[in-house]
């Protein structure tokens, strides 16, 4: 979507679009599920868990952060990611994700 085209849509519509994009890939759903059960996870840990390259993990995390579903912080000499629980409205909309059981 071009920058000039965004002007015709509301913030709510754009937010819904970002949320849809965030959950459009199975890897991002798996990352959200993993982060829901593990409070602070590094990108290298996610890479090992899901057998994806660091580059792929970073791209997935970028999309999840754009949708405000995931936050990043630095602690214990590493960057880590966690669920953005302050984005409660978005999480309620996709609560079913956390009820899907997966095997790790």
PDB file of N, CA and C in Angstrom:
ATOM      1  N   UNK A   1       0.858  -1.161   0.000  1.00  0.00           N
ATOM      2  CA  UNK A   1       0.000   0.000   0.000  1.00  0.00           C
ATOM      3  C   UNK A   1       0.903   1.222   0.000  1.00  0.00           C
ATOM      4  N   UNK A   2       0.741   2.100  -0.988  1.00  0.00           N
ATOM      5  CA  UNK A   2       1.549   3.305  -1.092  1.00  0.00           C
ATOM      6  C   UNK A   2       1.224   4.289   0.010  1.00  0.00           C
ATOM      7  N   UNK A   3       2.180   5.158   0.296  1.00  0.00           N
ATOM      8  CA  UNK A   3       2.012   6.138   1.368  1.00  0.00           C
ATOM      9  C   UNK A   3       0.823   7.046   1.117  1.00  0.00           C
ATOM     10  N   UNK A   4       0.607   7.445  -0.133  1.00  0.00           N
ATOM     11  CA  UNK A   4      -0.493   8.366  -0.431  1.00  0.00           C
ATOM     12  C   UNK A   4      -1.852   7.686  -0.284  1.00  0.00           C
ATOM     13  N   UNK A   5      -1.901   6.404  -0.454  1.00  0.00           N
ATOM     14  CA  UNK A   5      -3.169   5.671  -0.343  1.00  0.00           C
ATOM     15  C   UNK A   5      -3.634   5.528   1.104  1.00  0.00           C
ATOM     16  N   UNK A   6      -2.725   5.565   2.060  1.00  0.00           N
ATOM     17  CA  UNK A   6      -3.093   5.390   3.460  1.00  0.00           C
ATOM     18  C   UNK A   6      -3.976   6.515   3.972  1.00  0.00           C
ATOM     19  N   UNK A   7      -3.887   7.668   3.363  1.00  0.00           N
ATOM     20  CA  UNK A   7      -4.649   8.824   3.823  1.00  0.00           C
ATOM     21  C   UNK A   7      -6.156   8.601   3.748  1.00  0.00           C
ATOM     22  N   UNK A   8      -6.587   7.742   2.871  1.00  0.00           N
ATOM     23  CA  UNK A   8      -8.021   7.532   2.714  1.00  0.00           C
ATOM     24  C   UNK A   8      -8.604   6.529   3.701  1.00  0.00           C
ATOM     25  N   UNK A   9      -7.751   5.934   4.537  1.00  0.00           N
ATOM     26  CA  UNK A   9      -8.215   4.936   5.488  1.00  0.00           C
ATOM     27  C   UNK A   9      -8.044   5.444   6.916  1.00  0.00           C
ATOM     28  N   UNK A  10      -8.929   4.998   7.795  1.00  0.00           N
ATOM     29  CA  UNK A  10      -8.849   5.401   9.194  1.00  0.00           C
ATOM     30  C   UNK A  10      -7.728   4.645   9.907  1.00  0.00           C
ATOM     31  N   UNK A  11      -7.334   5.168  11.059  1.00  0.00           N
ATOM     32  CA  UNK A  11      -6.321   4.490  11.869  1.00  0.00           C
ATOM     33  C   UNK A  11      -6.792   3.097  12.271  1.00  0.00           C
ATOM     34  N   UNK A  12      -8.073   2.973  12.549  1.00  0.00           N
ATOM     35  CA  UNK A  12      -8.634   1.676  12.931  1.00  0.00           C
ATOM     36  C   UNK A  12      -8.516   0.679  11.771  1.00  0.00           C
ATOM     37  N   UNK A  13      -8.779   1.122  10.555  1.00  0.00           N
ATOM     38  CA  UNK A  13      -8.670   0.255   9.391  1.00  0.00           C
ATOM     39  C   UNK A  13      -7.220  -0.153   9.140  1.00  0.00           C
ATOM     40  N   UNK A  14      -6.327   0.792   9.282  1.00  0.00           N
ATOM     41  CA  UNK A  14      -4.902   0.492   9.094  1.00  0.00           C
ATOM     42  C   UNK A  14      -4.427  -0.470  10.182  1.00  0.00           C
ATOM     43  N   UNK A  15      -4.867  -0.246  11.419  1.00  0.00           N
ATOM     44  CA  UNK A  15      -4.506  -1.148  12.520  1.00  0.00           C
ATOM     45  C   UNK A  15      -5.010  -2.561  12.295  1.00  0.00           C
ATOM     46  N   UNK A  16      -6.241  -2.671  11.795  1.00  0.00           N
ATOM     47  CA  UNK A  16      -6.811  -3.994  11.507  1.00  0.00           C
ATOM     48  C   UNK A  16      -6.009  -4.687  10.409  1.00  0.00           C
ATOM     49  N   UNK A  17      -5.565  -3.906   9.433  1.00  0.00           N
ATOM     50  CA  UNK A  17      -4.766  -4.463   8.349  1.00  0.00           C
ATOM     51  C   UNK A  17      -3.425  -4.983   8.871  1.00  0.00           C
ATOM     52  N   UNK A  18      -2.783  -4.208   9.742  1.00  0.00           N
ATOM     53  CA  UNK A  18      -1.508  -4.647  10.331  1.00  0.00           C
ATOM     54  C   UNK A  18      -1.695  -5.897  11.175  1.00  0.00           C
ATOM     55  N   UNK A  19      -2.800  -5.958  11.895  1.00  0.00           N
ATOM     56  CA  UNK A  19      -3.101  -7.141  12.706  1.00  0.00           C
ATOM     57  C   UNK A  19      -3.315  -8.356  11.808  1.00  0.00           C
ATOM     58  N   UNK A  20      -4.062  -8.163  10.730  1.00  0.00           N
ATOM     59  CA  UNK A  20      -4.286  -9.266   9.791  1.00  0.00           C
ATOM     60  C   UNK A  20      -2.987  -9.772   9.200  1.00  0.00           C
ATOM     61  N   UNK A  21      -2.114  -8.846   8.824  1.00  0.00           N
ATOM     62  CA  UNK A  21      -0.819  -9.231   8.265  1.00  0.00           C
ATOM     63  C   UNK A  21      -0.001  -9.992   9.302  1.00  0.00           C
ATOM     64  N   UNK A  22      -0.076  -9.536  10.547  1.00  0.00           N
ATOM     65  CA  UNK A  22       0.717 -10.152  11.608  1.00  0.00           C
ATOM     66  C   UNK A  22       0.351 -11.613  11.833  1.00  0.00           C
ATOM     67  N   UNK A  23      -0.903 -11.954  11.679  1.00  0.00           N
ATOM     68  CA  UNK A  23      -1.312 -13.337  11.938  1.00  0.00           C
ATOM     69  C   UNK A  23      -1.506 -14.134  10.659  1.00  0.00           C
ATOM     70  N   UNK A  24      -1.056 -13.592   9.529  1.00  0.00           N
ATOM     71  CA  UNK A  24      -1.247 -14.255   8.239  1.00  0.00           C
ATOM     72  C   UNK A  24      -0.244 -15.381   7.985  1.00  0.00           C
ATOM     73  N   UNK A  25       0.793 -15.468   8.788  1.00  0.00           N
ATOM     74  CA  UNK A  25       1.816 -16.503   8.571  1.00  0.00           C
ATOM     75  C   UNK A  25       1.862 -17.457   9.762  1.00  0.00           C
ATOM     76  N   UNK A  26       1.901 -18.743   9.495  1.00  0.00           N
ATOM     77  CA  UNK A  26       1.970 -19.725  10.584  1.00  0.00           C
ATOM     78  C   UNK A  26       3.178 -19.514  11.498  1.00  0.00           C
ATOM     79  N   UNK A  27       4.287 -19.071  10.935  1.00  0.00           N
ATOM     80  CA  UNK A  27       5.476 -18.835  11.762  1.00  0.00           C
ATOM     81  C   UNK A  27       5.221 -17.732  12.781  1.00  0.00           C
ATOM     82  N   UNK A  28       4.503 -16.685  12.384  1.00  0.00           N
ATOM     83  CA  UNK A  28       4.230 -15.593  13.324  1.00  0.00           C
ATOM     84  C   UNK A  28       3.248 -16.036  14.404  1.00  0.00           C
ATOM     85  N   UNK A  29       2.299 -16.872  14.051  1.00  0.00           N
ATOM     86  CA  UNK A  29       1.386 -17.418  15.065  1.00  0.00           C
ATOM     87  C   UNK A  29       2.181 -18.268  16.054  1.00  0.00           C
ATOM     88  N   UNK A  30       3.088 -19.086  15.540  1.00  0.00           N
ATOM     89  CA  UNK A  30       3.925 -19.921  16.417  1.00  0.00           C
ATOM     90  C   UNK A  30       4.806 -19.061  17.320  1.00  0.00           C
ATOM     91  N   UNK A  31       5.352 -17.979  16.777  1.00  0.00           N
ATOM     92  CA  UNK A  31       6.175 -17.073  17.586  1.00  0.00           C
ATOM     93  C   UNK A  31       5.332 -16.457  18.698  1.00  0.00           C
ATOM     94  N   UNK A  32       4.131 -15.996  18.374  1.00  0.00           N
ATOM     95  CA  UNK A  32       3.240 -15.427  19.391  1.00  0.00           C
ATOM     96  C   UNK A  32       2.927 -16.449  20.477  1.00  0.00           C
ATOM     97  N   UNK A  33       2.624 -17.673  20.075  1.00  0.00           N
ATOM     98  CA  UNK A  33       2.337 -18.722  21.051  1.00  0.00           C
ATOM     99  C   UNK A  33       3.550 -18.962  21.947  1.00  0.00           C
ATOM    100  N   UNK A  34       4.714 -19.036  21.336  1.00  0.00           N
ATOM    101  CA  UNK A  34       5.940 -19.287  22.108  1.00  0.00           C
ATOM    102  C   UNK A  34       6.199 -18.154  23.095  1.00  0.00           C
ATOM    103  N   UNK A  35       6.028 -16.918  22.642  1.00  0.00           N
ATOM    104  CA  UNK A  35       6.241 -15.769  23.515  1.00  0.00           C
ATOM    105  C   UNK A  35       5.198 -15.711  24.629  1.00  0.00           C
ATOM    106  N   UNK A  36       4.021 -16.224  24.367  1.00  0.00           N
ATOM    107  CA  UNK A  36       2.983 -16.240  25.394  1.00  0.00           C
ATOM    108  C   UNK A  36       3.378 -17.134  26.570  1.00  0.00           C
ATOM    109  N   UNK A  37       4.153 -18.170  26.295  1.00  0.00           N
ATOM    110  CA  UNK A  37       4.566 -19.107  27.346  1.00  0.00           C
ATOM    111  C   UNK A  37       5.977 -18.830  27.871  1.00  0.00           C
ATOM    112  N   UNK A  38       6.716 -17.979  27.181  1.00  0.00           N
ATOM    113  CA  UNK A  38       8.089 -17.646  27.570  1.00  0.00           C
ATOM    114  C   UNK A  38       8.217 -16.132  27.540  1.00  0.00           C
ATOM    115  N   UNK A  39       8.380 -15.523  28.689  1.00  0.00           N
ATOM    116  CA  UNK A  39       8.310 -14.071  28.809  1.00  0.00           C
ATOM    117  C   UNK A  39       9.373 -13.290  28.059  1.00  0.00           C
ATOM    118  N   UNK A  40      10.561 -13.806  27.918  1.00  0.00           N
ATOM    119  CA  UNK A  40      11.671 -13.075  27.304  1.00  0.00           C
ATOM    120  C   UNK A  40      12.472 -14.053  26.469  1.00  0.00           C
ATOM    121  N   UNK A  41      12.428 -13.880  25.149  1.00  0.00           N
ATOM    122  CA  UNK A  41      13.090 -14.820  24.251  1.00  0.00           C
ATOM    123  C   UNK A  41      13.910 -14.032  23.236  1.00  0.00           C
ATOM    124  N   UNK A  42      15.141 -14.461  23.019  1.00  0.00           N
ATOM    125  CA  UNK A  42      15.993 -13.800  22.037  1.00  0.00           C
ATOM    126  C   UNK A  42      15.665 -14.304  20.637  1.00  0.00           C
ATOM    127  N   UNK A  43      16.091 -13.545  19.644  1.00  0.00           N
ATOM    128  CA  UNK A  43      15.848 -13.962  18.264  1.00  0.00           C
ATOM    129  C   UNK A  43      16.615 -15.235  17.934  1.00  0.00           C
ATOM    130  N   UNK A  44      17.794 -15.409  18.519  1.00  0.00           N
ATOM    131  CA  UNK A  44      18.546 -16.643  18.257  1.00  0.00           C
ATOM    132  C   UNK A  44      17.836 -17.855  18.859  1.00  0.00           C
ATOM    133  N   UNK A  45      17.205 -17.674  20.022  1.00  0.00           N
ATOM    134  CA  UNK A  45      16.431 -18.769  20.623  1.00  0.00           C
ATOM    135  C   UNK A  45      15.222 -19.106  19.744  1.00  0.00           C
ATOM    136  N   UNK A  46      14.575 -18.078  19.204  1.00  0.00           N
ATOM    137  CA  UNK A  46      13.440 -18.317  18.304  1.00  0.00           C
ATOM    138  C   UNK A  46      13.903 -19.018  17.031  1.00  0.00           C
ATOM    139  N   UNK A  47      15.056 -18.625  16.545  1.00  0.00           N
ATOM    140  CA  UNK A  47      15.617 -19.247  15.341  1.00  0.00           C
ATOM    141  C   UNK A  47      15.844 -20.746  15.559  1.00  0.00           C
ATOM    142  N   UNK A  48      16.394 -21.084  16.697  1.00  0.00           N
ATOM    143  CA  UNK A  48      16.636 -22.499  17.014  1.00  0.00           C
ATOM    144  C   UNK A  48      15.324 -23.245  17.226  1.00  0.00           C
ATOM    145  N   UNK A  49      14.381 -22.625  17.915  1.00  0.00           N
ATOM    146  CA  UNK A  49      13.105 -23.266  18.222  1.00  0.00           C
ATOM    147  C   UNK A  49      12.331 -23.614  16.954  1.00  0.00           C
ATOM    148  N   UNK A  50      12.344 -22.704  15.980  1.00  0.00           N
ATOM    149  CA  UNK A  50      11.514 -22.900  14.788  1.00  0.00           C
ATOM    150  C   UNK A  50      12.306 -23.260  13.534  1.00  0.00           C
ATOM    151  N   UNK A  51      13.601 -23.468  13.691  1.00  0.00           N
ATOM    152  CA  UNK A  51      14.460 -23.868  12.570  1.00  0.00           C
ATOM    153  C   UNK A  51      14.326 -22.896  11.393  1.00  0.00           C
ATOM    154  N   UNK A  52      14.342 -21.607  11.731  1.00  0.00           N
ATOM    155  CA  UNK A  52      14.303 -20.548  10.730  1.00  0.00           C
ATOM    156  C   UNK A  52      15.564 -19.710  10.872  1.00  0.00           C
ATOM    157  N   UNK A  53      15.989 -19.104   9.781  1.00  0.00           N
ATOM    158  CA  UNK A  53      17.174 -18.256   9.840  1.00  0.00           C
ATOM    159  C   UNK A  53      16.907 -17.036  10.720  1.00  0.00           C
ATOM    160  N   UNK A  54      17.980 -16.458  11.221  1.00  0.00           N
ATOM    161  CA  UNK A  54      17.866 -15.238  12.023  1.00  0.00           C
ATOM    162  C   UNK A  54      17.193 -14.147  11.195  1.00  0.00           C
ATOM    163  N   UNK A  55      17.527 -14.061   9.918  1.00  0.00           N
ATOM    164  CA  UNK A  55      16.932 -13.058   9.037  1.00  0.00           C
ATOM    165  C   UNK A  55      15.426 -13.239   8.960  1.00  0.00           C
ATOM    166  N   UNK A  56      14.967 -14.465   8.806  1.00  0.00           N
ATOM    167  CA  UNK A  56      13.526 -14.736   8.741  1.00  0.00           C
ATOM    168  C   UNK A  56      12.852 -14.381  10.059  1.00  0.00           C
ATOM    169  N   UNK A  57      13.483 -14.747  11.161  1.00  0.00           N
ATOM    170  CA  UNK A  57      12.931 -14.419  12.483  1.00  0.00           C
ATOM    171  C   UNK A  57      12.822 -12.911  12.657  1.00  0.00           C
ATOM    172  N   UNK A  58      13.859 -12.184  12.276  1.00  0.00           N
ATOM    173  CA  UNK A  58      13.834 -10.727  12.403  1.00  0.00           C
ATOM    174  C   UNK A  58      12.713 -10.119  11.561  1.00  0.00           C
ATOM    175  N   UNK A  59      12.489 -10.650  10.367  1.00  0.00           N
ATOM    176  CA  UNK A  59      11.411 -10.142   9.523  1.00  0.00           C
ATOM    177  C   UNK A  59      10.049 -10.416  10.165  1.00  0.00           C
ATOM    178  N   UNK A  60       9.863 -11.600  10.697  1.00  0.00           N
ATOM    179  CA  UNK A  60       8.606 -11.923  11.382  1.00  0.00           C
ATOM    180  C   UNK A  60       8.400 -11.029  12.601  1.00  0.00           C
ATOM    181  N   UNK A  61       9.458 -10.820  13.375  1.00  0.00           N
ATOM    182  CA  UNK A  61       9.360  -9.966  14.561  1.00  0.00           C
ATOM    183  C   UNK A  61       9.063  -8.515  14.178  1.00  0.00           C
ATOM    184  N   UNK A  62       9.626  -8.064  13.079  1.00  0.00           N
ATOM    185  CA  UNK A  62       9.359  -6.697  12.605  1.00  0.00           C
ATOM    186  C   UNK A  62       7.867  -6.513  12.331  1.00  0.00           C
ATOM    187  N   UNK A  63       7.269  -7.482  11.682  1.00  0.00           N
ATOM    188  CA  UNK A  63       5.839  -7.418  11.359  1.00  0.00           C
ATOM    189  C   UNK A  63       4.997  -7.479  12.628  1.00  0.00           C
ATOM    190  N   UNK A  64       5.394  -8.323  13.569  1.00  0.00           N
ATOM    191  CA  UNK A  64       4.672  -8.416  14.844  1.00  0.00           C
ATOM    192  C   UNK A  64       4.801  -7.128  15.655  1.00  0.00           C
ATOM    193  N   UNK A  65       5.969  -6.489  15.580  1.00  0.00           N
ATOM    194  CA  UNK A  65       6.148  -5.212  16.287  1.00  0.00           C
ATOM    195  C   UNK A  65       5.332  -4.104  15.612  1.00  0.00           C
ATOM    196  N   UNK A  66       5.265  -4.098  14.275  1.00  0.00           N
ATOM    197  CA  UNK A  66       4.462  -3.098  13.564  1.00  0.00           C
ATOM    198  C   UNK A  66       2.995  -3.189  13.970  1.00  0.00           C
ATOM    199  N   UNK A  67       2.534  -4.403  14.230  1.00  0.00           N
ATOM    200  CA  UNK A  67       1.147  -4.621  14.661  1.00  0.00           C
ATOM    201  C   UNK A  67       0.983  -4.382  16.161  1.00  0.00           C
ATOM    202  N   UNK A  68       2.063  -4.038  16.820  1.00  0.00           N
ATOM    203  CA  UNK A  68       2.071  -3.754  18.268  1.00  0.00           C
ATOM    204  C   UNK A  68       1.685  -4.968  19.109  1.00  0.00           C
ATOM    205  N   UNK A  69       2.012  -6.152  18.609  1.00  0.00           N
ATOM    206  CA  UNK A  69       1.743  -7.380  19.355  1.00  0.00           C
ATOM    207  C   UNK A  69       2.954  -7.824  20.167  1.00  0.00           C
ATOM    208  N   UNK A  70       4.129  -7.374  19.758  1.00  0.00           N
ATOM    209  CA  UNK A  70       5.383  -7.790  20.386  1.00  0.00           C
ATOM    210  C   UNK A  70       6.216  -6.553  20.686  1.00  0.00           C
ATOM    211  N   UNK A  71       6.900  -6.573  21.815  1.00  0.00           N
ATOM    212  CA  UNK A  71       7.859  -5.533  22.186  1.00  0.00           C
ATOM    213  C   UNK A  71       9.244  -6.146  22.268  1.00  0.00           C
ATOM    214  N   UNK A  72      10.236  -5.268  22.211  1.00  0.00           N
ATOM    215  CA  UNK A  72      11.634  -5.676  22.301  1.00  0.00           C
ATOM    216  C   UNK A  72      12.284  -4.925  23.456  1.00  0.00           C
ATOM    217  N   UNK A  73      13.174  -5.598  24.154  1.00  0.00           N
ATOM    218  CA  UNK A  73      13.923  -4.948  25.228  1.00  0.00           C
ATOM    219  C   UNK A  73      15.325  -5.538  25.272  1.00  0.00           C
ATOM    220  N   UNK A  74      16.168  -4.920  26.045  1.00  0.00           N
ATOM    221  CA  UNK A  74      17.544  -5.384  26.204  1.00  0.00           C
ATOM    222  C   UNK A  74      17.778  -5.670  27.679  1.00  0.00           C
ATOM    223  N   UNK A  75      18.134  -6.905  27.971  1.00  0.00           N
ATOM    224  CA  UNK A  75      18.472  -7.277  29.342  1.00  0.00           C
ATOM    225  C   UNK A  75      19.424  -8.456  29.324  1.00  0.00           C
ATOM    226  N   UNK A  76      20.208  -8.552  30.336  1.00  0.00           N
ATOM    227  CA  UNK A  76      21.185  -9.642  30.449  1.00  0.00           C
ATOM    228  C   UNK A  76      22.047  -9.761  29.193  1.00  0.00           C
ATOM    229  N   UNK A  77      22.482  -8.606  28.681  1.00  0.00           N
ATOM    230  CA  UNK A  77      23.374  -8.534  27.519  1.00  0.00           C
ATOM    231  C   UNK A  77      22.800  -9.127  26.238  1.00  0.00           C
ATOM    232  N   UNK A  78      21.484  -9.132  26.121  1.00  0.00           N
ATOM    233  CA  UNK A  78      20.891  -9.593  24.862  1.00  0.00           C
ATOM    234  C   UNK A  78      19.536  -8.925  24.642  1.00  0.00           C
ATOM    235  N   UNK A  79      19.196  -8.832  23.364  1.00  0.00           N
ATOM    236  CA  UNK A  79      17.878  -8.335  23.004  1.00  0.00           C
ATOM    237  C   UNK A  79      16.888  -9.480  23.143  1.00  0.00           C
ATOM    238  N   UNK A  80      15.729  -9.156  23.651  1.00  0.00           N
ATOM    239  CA  UNK A  80      14.702 -10.170  23.806  1.00  0.00           C
ATOM    240  C   UNK A  80      13.345  -9.616  23.430  1.00  0.00           C
ATOM    241  N   UNK A  81      12.444 -10.505  23.179  1.00  0.00           N
ATOM    242  CA  UNK A  81      11.105 -10.148  22.721  1.00  0.00           C
ATOM    243  C   UNK A  81      10.078 -10.730  23.664  1.00  0.00           C
ATOM    244  N   UNK A  82       8.959 -10.024  23.775  1.00  0.00           N
ATOM    245  CA  UNK A  82       7.885 -10.476  24.649  1.00  0.00           C
ATOM    246  C   UNK A  82       6.560  -9.935  24.126  1.00  0.00           C
ATOM    247  N   UNK A  83       5.485 -10.582  24.537  1.00  0.00           N
ATOM    248  CA  UNK A  83       4.140 -10.163  24.148  1.00  0.00           C
ATOM    249  C   UNK A  83       3.862  -8.768  24.698  1.00  0.00           C
ATOM    250  N   UNK A  84       3.295  -7.925  23.868  1.00  0.00           N
ATOM    251  CA  UNK A  84       2.903  -6.579  24.288  1.00  0.00           C
ATOM    252  C   UNK A  84       1.513  -6.649  24.901  1.00  0.00           C
ATOM    253  N   UNK A  85       1.464  -6.874  26.202  1.00  0.00           N
ATOM    254  CA  UNK A  85       0.177  -7.009  26.869  1.00  0.00           C
ATOM    255  C   UNK A  85      -0.552  -5.674  26.992  1.00  0.00           C
ATOM    256  N   UNK A  86       0.137  -4.556  26.747  1.00  0.00           N
ATOM    257  CA  UNK A  86      -0.556  -3.268  26.753  1.00  0.00           C
ATOM    258  C   UNK A  86      -1.402  -3.097  25.497  1.00  0.00           C
ATOM    259  N   UNK A  87      -1.194  -3.950  24.525  1.00  0.00           N
ATOM    260  CA  UNK A  87      -2.006  -3.945  23.310  1.00  0.00           C
ATOM    261  C   UNK A  87      -3.163  -4.932  23.485  1.00  0.00           C
ATOM    262  N   UNK A  88      -3.803  -4.840  24.618  1.00  0.00           N
ATOM    263  CA  UNK A  88      -4.831  -5.796  25.020  1.00  0.00           C
ATOM    264  C   UNK A  88      -5.958  -5.923  23.991  1.00  0.00           C
ATOM    265  N   UNK A  89      -6.374  -4.819  23.407  1.00  0.00           N
ATOM    266  CA  UNK A  89      -7.466  -4.864  22.438  1.00  0.00           C
ATOM    267  C   UNK A  89      -7.119  -5.786  21.273  1.00  0.00           C
ATOM    268  N   UNK A  90      -5.912  -5.668  20.755  1.00  0.00           N
ATOM    269  CA  UNK A  90      -5.483  -6.526  19.654  1.00  0.00           C
ATOM    270  C   UNK A  90      -5.400  -7.972  20.098  1.00  0.00           C
ATOM    271  N   UNK A  91      -4.887  -8.194  21.302  1.00  0.00           N
ATOM    272  CA  UNK A  91      -4.746  -9.560  21.788  1.00  0.00           C
ATOM    273  C   UNK A  91      -6.096 -10.224  22.009  1.00  0.00           C
ATOM    274  N   UNK A  92      -7.076  -9.459  22.455  1.00  0.00           N
ATOM    275  CA  UNK A  92      -8.407 -10.034  22.633  1.00  0.00           C
ATOM    276  C   UNK A  92      -8.984 -10.477  21.295  1.00  0.00           C
ATOM    277  N   UNK A  93      -8.690  -9.716  20.245  1.00  0.00           N
ATOM    278  CA  UNK A  93      -9.195 -10.064  18.918  1.00  0.00           C
ATOM    279  C   UNK A  93      -8.595 -11.367  18.406  1.00  0.00           C
ATOM    280  N   UNK A  94      -7.387 -11.673  18.848  1.00  0.00           N
ATOM    281  CA  UNK A  94      -6.743 -12.894  18.366  1.00  0.00           C
ATOM    282  C   UNK A  94      -6.501 -13.892  19.495  1.00  0.00           C
ATOM    283  N   UNK A  95      -7.312 -13.814  20.520  1.00  0.00           N
ATOM    284  CA  UNK A  95      -7.161 -14.692  21.678  1.00  0.00           C
ATOM    285  C   UNK A  95      -7.175 -16.171  21.298  1.00  0.00           C
ATOM    286  N   UNK A  96      -7.872 -16.511  20.244  1.00  0.00           N
ATOM    287  CA  UNK A  96      -7.931 -17.908  19.812  1.00  0.00           C
ATOM    288  C   UNK A  96      -6.553 -18.471  19.501  1.00  0.00           C
ATOM    289  N   UNK A  97      -5.603 -17.616  19.144  1.00  0.00           N
ATOM    290  CA  UNK A  97      -4.250 -18.089  18.849  1.00  0.00           C
ATOM    291  C   UNK A  97      -3.667 -18.793  20.064  1.00  0.00           C
ATOM    292  N   UNK A  98      -3.915 -18.233  21.223  1.00  0.00           N
ATOM    293  CA  UNK A  98      -3.299 -18.781  22.416  1.00  0.00           C
ATOM    294  C   UNK A  98      -4.027 -20.029  22.914  1.00  0.00           C
ATOM    295  N   UNK A  99      -5.137 -20.354  22.320  1.00  0.00           N
ATOM    296  CA  UNK A  99      -5.858 -21.560  22.684  1.00  0.00           C
ATOM    297  C   UNK A  99      -5.571 -22.714  21.733  1.00  0.00           C
ATOM    298  N   UNK A 100      -4.808 -22.448  20.693  1.00  0.00           N
ATOM    299  CA  UNK A 100      -4.403 -23.510  19.754  1.00  0.00           C
ATOM    300  C   UNK A 100      -3.194 -24.214  20.367  1.00  0.00           C
ATOM    301  N   UNK A 101      -3.288 -25.501  20.529  1.00  0.00           N
ATOM    302  CA  UNK A 101      -2.185 -26.257  21.102  1.00  0.00           C
ATOM    303  C   UNK A 101      -1.195 -26.610  19.995  1.00  0.00           C
ATOM    304  N   UNK A 102       0.048 -26.512  20.335  1.00  0.00           N
ATOM    305  CA  UNK A 102       1.082 -26.862  19.382  1.00  0.00           C
ATOM    306  C   UNK A 102       2.147 -27.675  20.090  1.00  0.00           C
ATOM    307  N   UNK A 103       2.878 -28.422  19.312  1.00  0.00           N
ATOM    308  CA  UNK A 103       3.960 -29.208  19.906  1.00  0.00           C
ATOM    309  C   UNK A 103       5.276 -28.507  19.593  1.00  0.00           C
ATOM    310  N   UNK A 104       6.145 -28.449  20.586  1.00  0.00           N
ATOM    311  CA  UNK A 104       7.426 -27.772  20.368  1.00  0.00           C
ATOM    312  C   UNK A 104       8.535 -28.740  20.151  1.00  0.00           C
TER     313      UNK A 104
END
